[in-house]
């Protein structure tokens, strides 16, 4: 259920206690958040299947059926959706499980929405840092992949035309430019062409 729309981040609140769910949801809406609610992990997964992508999920640890910890694993695998836990149990085992699951926070009920807000803001800030880090890592990986492909394509060109490394690189660069392709894209095409020829031999 979508409770409100605003420019604030979209929160997904999951708790099998309907009173807790509605009380917290109303309080967070008043605080200016957009809040979607679910009374079970299955309800939450149905929301996700419909395309819902919260900026932060707040999960009750212990629920009938799938637990909040199981739902957290699904969120982590699905677009790295950040999450934090809300539970009535302040025991070391749950805290340890929550921490090792990648949770950005762990709060013990009873709690009111005003107490939740600072933790939500802190979790959202941390989630943004992690998102930027993943983006940087992906960009570095892409750059490394491109370098490797270019290096392989240069080697192929050297062998095929009996050229020095420098001359082979220049030949690739000029050909890529004449075909209005990026060098990395052209290098991938060179490698694919060789792979296709090898399959046909």
Protein backbone atom coordinates (compact mmCIF):
# COMPACT_ATOMS: atom_id res chain seq x y z
CA UNK A 1 0.00 0.00 0.00
CA UNK A 2 1.38 3.39 -0.95
CA UNK A 3 0.63 5.82 1.87
CA UNK A 4 1.91 9.11 0.49
CA UNK A 5 4.00 10.67 -2.26
CA UNK A 6 6.60 13.37 -1.68
CA UNK A 7 10.01 14.50 -2.77
CA UNK A 8 11.51 12.73 0.23
CA UNK A 9 13.02 9.25 -0.15
CA UNK A 10 10.74 6.26 -0.63
CA UNK A 11 10.67 3.93 2.38
CA UNK A 12 9.38 0.36 2.50
CA UNK A 13 8.14 -0.60 5.96
CA UNK A 14 7.64 -4.34 6.59
CA UNK A 15 6.10 -5.57 9.87
CA UNK A 16 3.52 -8.27 10.64
CA UNK A 17 2.08 -6.15 13.48
CA UNK A 18 -0.54 -4.03 11.69
CA UNK A 19 -0.78 -1.46 14.52
CA UNK A 20 3.01 -0.91 14.59
CA UNK A 21 3.05 -0.76 10.80
CA UNK A 22 0.33 1.86 10.49
CA UNK A 23 1.52 3.96 13.46
CA UNK A 24 5.08 4.16 12.13
CA UNK A 25 3.92 4.69 8.54
CA UNK A 26 1.67 7.61 9.53
CA UNK A 27 4.45 9.16 11.60
CA UNK A 28 6.98 8.85 8.78
CA UNK A 29 4.51 10.30 6.26
CA UNK A 30 4.06 13.26 8.65
CA UNK A 31 7.87 13.57 8.70
CA UNK A 32 7.66 13.99 4.91
CA UNK A 33 8.61 10.54 3.61
CA UNK A 34 6.89 8.51 0.93
CA UNK A 35 6.01 5.23 2.63
CA UNK A 36 4.97 1.85 1.25
CA UNK A 37 3.96 -0.86 3.71
CA UNK A 38 3.84 -4.65 3.70
CA UNK A 39 2.63 -7.04 6.42
CA UNK A 40 4.91 -9.92 5.39
CA UNK A 41 8.02 -10.73 3.37
CA UNK A 42 5.76 -12.16 0.64
CA UNK A 43 3.76 -8.90 0.45
CA UNK A 44 7.04 -6.98 0.22
CA UNK A 45 8.28 -9.26 -2.58
CA UNK A 46 5.01 -8.70 -4.46
CA UNK A 47 5.62 -4.94 -4.23
CA UNK A 48 9.16 -5.40 -5.54
CA UNK A 49 7.87 -7.60 -8.37
CA UNK A 50 5.54 -4.76 -9.40
CA UNK A 51 8.58 -2.53 -9.88
CA UNK A 52 8.71 -0.80 -6.48
CA UNK A 53 12.28 0.25 -5.65
CA UNK A 54 12.50 1.82 -2.19
CA UNK A 55 15.45 3.99 -1.21
CA UNK A 56 15.47 2.17 2.12
CA UNK A 57 13.58 -0.82 3.54
CA UNK A 58 12.84 -1.04 7.28
CA UNK A 59 12.26 -4.69 8.18
CA UNK A 60 10.90 -6.48 11.21
CA UNK A 61 13.32 -9.36 11.91
CA UNK A 62 10.81 -11.93 13.16
CA UNK A 63 7.70 -12.49 11.03
CA UNK A 64 5.56 -15.56 10.27
CA UNK A 65 6.78 -17.29 7.11
CA UNK A 66 9.89 -15.66 5.68
CA UNK A 67 11.85 -13.65 8.21
CA UNK A 68 13.14 -10.12 7.78
CA UNK A 69 16.63 -11.60 7.46
CA UNK A 70 15.51 -13.71 4.47
CA UNK A 71 13.84 -10.68 2.89
CA UNK A 72 17.02 -8.67 3.47
CA UNK A 73 19.01 -11.18 1.42
CA UNK A 74 16.51 -10.76 -1.44
CA UNK A 75 16.81 -6.96 -1.25
CA UNK A 76 20.60 -7.16 -1.28
CA UNK A 77 20.58 -9.28 -4.43
CA UNK A 78 17.89 -7.14 -6.07
CA UNK A 79 19.52 -3.85 -7.11
CA UNK A 80 21.39 -3.58 -3.78
CA UNK A 81 18.31 -2.11 -2.06
CA UNK A 82 19.53 -0.83 1.35
CA UNK A 83 17.78 -1.98 4.51
CA UNK A 84 17.73 -1.69 8.28
CA UNK A 85 16.07 -3.83 10.96
CA UNK A 86 13.37 -3.16 13.50
CA UNK A 87 12.74 -5.81 16.13
CA UNK A 88 11.27 -6.44 19.55
CA UNK A 89 14.22 -8.67 20.41
CA UNK A 90 17.40 -7.04 21.63
CA UNK A 91 19.46 -10.23 21.74
CA UNK A 92 23.05 -10.66 20.57
CA UNK A 93 22.21 -13.41 18.05
CA UNK A 94 19.81 -11.18 16.06
CA UNK A 95 22.18 -8.19 16.28
CA UNK A 96 25.00 -10.36 14.92
CA UNK A 97 22.84 -11.72 12.09
CA UNK A 98 21.63 -8.22 11.23
CA UNK A 99 25.18 -6.85 11.14
CA UNK A 100 26.52 -9.68 8.97
CA UNK A 101 23.59 -9.32 6.54
CA UNK A 102 24.71 -5.83 5.52
CA UNK A 103 22.07 -3.95 7.52
CA UNK A 104 22.54 -0.18 7.78
CA UNK A 105 20.88 -0.05 11.19
CA UNK A 106 19.21 -2.03 13.97
CA UNK A 107 16.49 -0.55 16.17
CA UNK A 108 14.58 -2.13 19.04
CA UNK A 109 10.80 -1.74 19.43
CA UNK A 110 8.87 -0.05 20.89
CA UNK A 111 10.04 2.99 18.92
CA UNK A 112 8.22 6.00 17.55
CA UNK A 113 8.66 7.53 14.13
CA UNK A 114 10.51 10.60 15.49
CA UNK A 115 13.13 8.31 17.00
CA UNK A 116 13.40 6.53 13.65
CA UNK A 117 14.11 9.62 11.54
CA UNK A 118 17.80 10.21 12.55
CA UNK A 119 18.57 6.51 11.94
CA UNK A 120 16.77 6.62 8.58
CA UNK A 121 18.73 9.72 7.49
CA UNK A 122 22.01 8.12 8.60
CA UNK A 123 21.18 4.88 6.73
CA UNK A 124 20.23 6.80 3.56
CA UNK A 125 23.51 8.74 3.68
CA UNK A 126 25.48 5.51 4.08
CA UNK A 127 23.49 3.88 1.26
CA UNK A 128 24.38 6.78 -1.06
CA UNK A 129 28.08 6.40 -0.17
CA UNK A 130 27.90 2.68 -0.96
CA UNK A 131 26.09 3.36 -4.26
CA UNK A 132 28.83 5.80 -5.33
CA UNK A 133 31.48 3.28 -4.33
CA UNK A 134 29.82 0.55 -6.43
CA UNK A 135 29.61 2.96 -9.39
CA UNK A 136 33.32 3.80 -9.07
CA UNK A 137 34.23 0.10 -8.80
CA UNK A 138 32.15 -0.67 -11.90
CA UNK A 139 33.81 2.16 -13.83
CA UNK A 140 37.26 0.87 -12.83
CA UNK A 141 36.29 -2.67 -13.84
CA UNK A 142 35.00 -1.42 -17.21
CA UNK A 143 38.26 0.48 -17.77
CA UNK A 144 40.30 -2.64 -16.92
CA UNK A 145 38.16 -4.77 -19.24
CA UNK A 146 38.62 -2.24 -22.06
CA UNK A 147 42.38 -2.16 -21.54
CA UNK A 148 42.54 -5.95 -21.65
CA UNK A 149 40.44 -6.14 -24.83
CA UNK A 150 42.53 -3.48 -26.54
CA UNK A 151 45.71 -5.33 -25.55
CA UNK A 152 44.35 -8.60 -26.99
CA UNK A 153 43.24 -6.88 -30.21
CA UNK A 154 46.71 -5.30 -30.56
CA UNK A 155 48.27 -8.76 -30.18
CA UNK A 156 45.94 -10.18 -32.85
CA UNK A 157 46.81 -7.31 -35.23
CA UNK A 158 50.55 -7.74 -34.57
CA UNK A 159 50.37 -11.44 -35.44
CA UNK A 160 48.12 -10.97 -38.47
CA UNK A 161 50.05 -8.12 -40.12
CA UNK A 162 53.55 -8.79 -38.68
CA UNK A 163 53.61 -5.35 -37.02
CA UNK A 164 55.28 -3.93 -33.93
CA UNK A 165 53.03 -3.29 -30.92
CA UNK A 166 53.08 0.46 -31.54
CA UNK A 167 52.25 0.09 -35.25
CA UNK A 168 49.46 -2.40 -34.49
CA UNK A 169 47.96 -0.04 -31.89
CA UNK A 170 48.06 2.87 -34.38
CA UNK A 171 46.41 0.72 -37.05
CA UNK A 172 43.60 -0.22 -34.65
CA UNK A 173 43.17 3.37 -33.51
CA UNK A 174 42.97 4.74 -37.06
CA UNK A 175 40.58 2.02 -38.20
CA UNK A 176 38.32 2.56 -35.19
CA UNK A 177 38.30 6.30 -35.86
CA UNK A 178 37.49 5.82 -39.56
CA UNK A 179 34.53 3.61 -38.56
CA UNK A 180 33.48 6.15 -35.90
CA UNK A 181 33.85 3.58 -33.11
CA UNK A 182 35.48 3.82 -29.73
CA UNK A 183 38.75 1.91 -29.63
CA UNK A 184 37.46 -0.49 -26.94
CA UNK A 185 34.35 -1.29 -29.04
CA UNK A 186 36.44 -1.89 -32.15
CA UNK A 187 38.82 -4.10 -30.15
CA UNK A 188 35.84 -6.23 -29.03
CA UNK A 189 34.79 -6.58 -32.69
CA UNK A 190 38.31 -7.71 -33.66
CA UNK A 191 38.29 -10.34 -30.89
CA UNK A 192 34.78 -11.54 -31.86
CA UNK A 193 35.80 -11.87 -35.51
CA UNK A 194 38.75 -14.07 -34.54
CA UNK A 195 36.53 -16.20 -32.28
CA UNK A 196 33.99 -16.68 -35.09
CA UNK A 197 36.76 -17.65 -37.56
CA UNK A 198 38.17 -20.13 -35.04
CA UNK A 199 34.72 -21.70 -34.61
CA UNK A 200 34.33 -22.03 -38.38
CA UNK A 201 37.80 -23.57 -38.90
